[in-house]
Amino acid sequence: MDFKKIAKIIAVIAALCALAAAAYFAIKKLTGSEKPEYFDDNDFFECDNDLEIVEVKDEEAPAEAEEKAE
């Protein structure tokens, strides 16, 4: 086999792949778009959404503490 015949075979294979890809995308487009499916987080996590609130006393910033020490 010479180089021209091998190049033609490779070109035919590439053309067939491109044709198959074009047909696939055309069929996907013609069949319509799928609506996205949304999930509720509560279906996956068992959480009662009761948050514990903890109050913390205000603490001085370290820079303020150094100024008062001088």
Protein backbone atom coordinates (compact mmCIF):
# COMPACT_ATOMS: atom_id res chain seq x y z
CA MET A 1 0.00 0.00 0.00
CA ASP A 2 1.26 3.41 -0.80
CA PHE A 3 0.83 6.57 1.25
CA LYS A 4 -2.09 7.95 -0.81
CA LYS A 5 -4.21 4.86 -0.25
CA ILE A 6 -3.55 4.91 3.52
CA ALA A 7 -4.40 8.63 3.63
CA LYS A 8 -7.69 7.98 1.80
CA ILE A 9 -8.63 5.21 4.24
CA ILE A 10 -7.91 7.45 7.22
CA ALA A 11 -9.92 10.28 5.61
CA VAL A 12 -12.90 7.95 5.06
CA ILE A 13 -12.79 6.78 8.68
CA ALA A 14 -12.62 10.39 9.92
CA ALA A 15 -15.54 11.38 7.67
CA LEU A 16 -17.65 8.49 8.99
CA CYS A 17 -16.90 9.51 12.58
CA ALA A 18 -17.85 13.11 11.82
CA LEU A 19 -21.06 11.97 10.14
CA ALA A 20 -21.97 9.82 13.13
CA ALA A 21 -21.29 12.71 15.53
CA ALA A 22 -23.42 15.08 13.44
CA ALA A 23 -26.28 12.59 13.38
CA TYR A 24 -26.03 12.10 17.16
CA PHE A 25 -26.19 15.84 17.89
CA ALA A 26 -29.03 16.36 15.39
CA ILE A 27 -31.09 13.61 17.01
CA LYS A 28 -30.39 15.02 20.49
CA LYS A 29 -31.52 18.48 19.36
CA LEU A 30 -34.66 17.25 17.61
CA THR A 31 -35.82 15.10 20.53
CA GLY A 32 -36.10 18.18 22.71
CA SER A 33 -34.28 19.42 25.74
CA GLU A 34 -34.63 17.71 29.05
CA LYS A 35 -35.82 19.74 31.99
CA PRO A 36 -33.36 19.80 34.86
CA GLU A 37 -34.36 17.76 37.88
CA TYR A 38 -34.08 19.67 41.14
CA PHE A 39 -33.61 17.93 44.46
CA ASP A 40 -34.51 19.04 47.94
CA ASP A 41 -31.59 18.91 50.38
CA ASN A 42 -33.87 17.59 53.09
CA ASP A 43 -34.28 14.40 51.05
CA PHE A 44 -30.59 13.62 51.49
CA PHE A 45 -29.75 14.95 54.95
CA GLU A 46 -31.61 14.14 58.11
CA CYS A 47 -31.46 17.54 59.74
CA ASP A 48 -34.05 19.16 61.95
CA ASN A 49 -32.58 22.62 61.30
CA ASP A 50 -32.53 23.41 65.03
CA LEU A 51 -29.41 25.47 65.56
CA GLU A 52 -27.93 25.94 68.99
CA ILE A 53 -27.06 29.56 69.65
CA VAL A 54 -24.14 30.09 71.98
CA GLU A 55 -23.43 33.57 73.30
CA VAL A 56 -19.78 34.54 73.77
CA LYS A 57 -18.50 37.49 75.77
CA ASP A 58 -16.77 40.17 73.71
CA GLU A 59 -13.03 39.71 73.85
CA GLU A 60 -10.51 42.48 73.32
CA ALA A 61 -8.45 42.35 70.18
CA PRO A 62 -4.77 41.45 70.78
CA ALA A 63 -3.62 44.85 69.46
CA GLU A 64 -5.79 46.70 71.99
CA ALA A 65 -4.48 44.52 74.81
CA GLU A 66 -0.87 45.42 73.92
CA GLU A 67 -1.66 49.16 73.87
CA LYS A 68 -3.23 49.00 77.34
CA ALA A 69 -0.23 47.07 78.68
CA GLU A 70 2.19 49.89 77.73
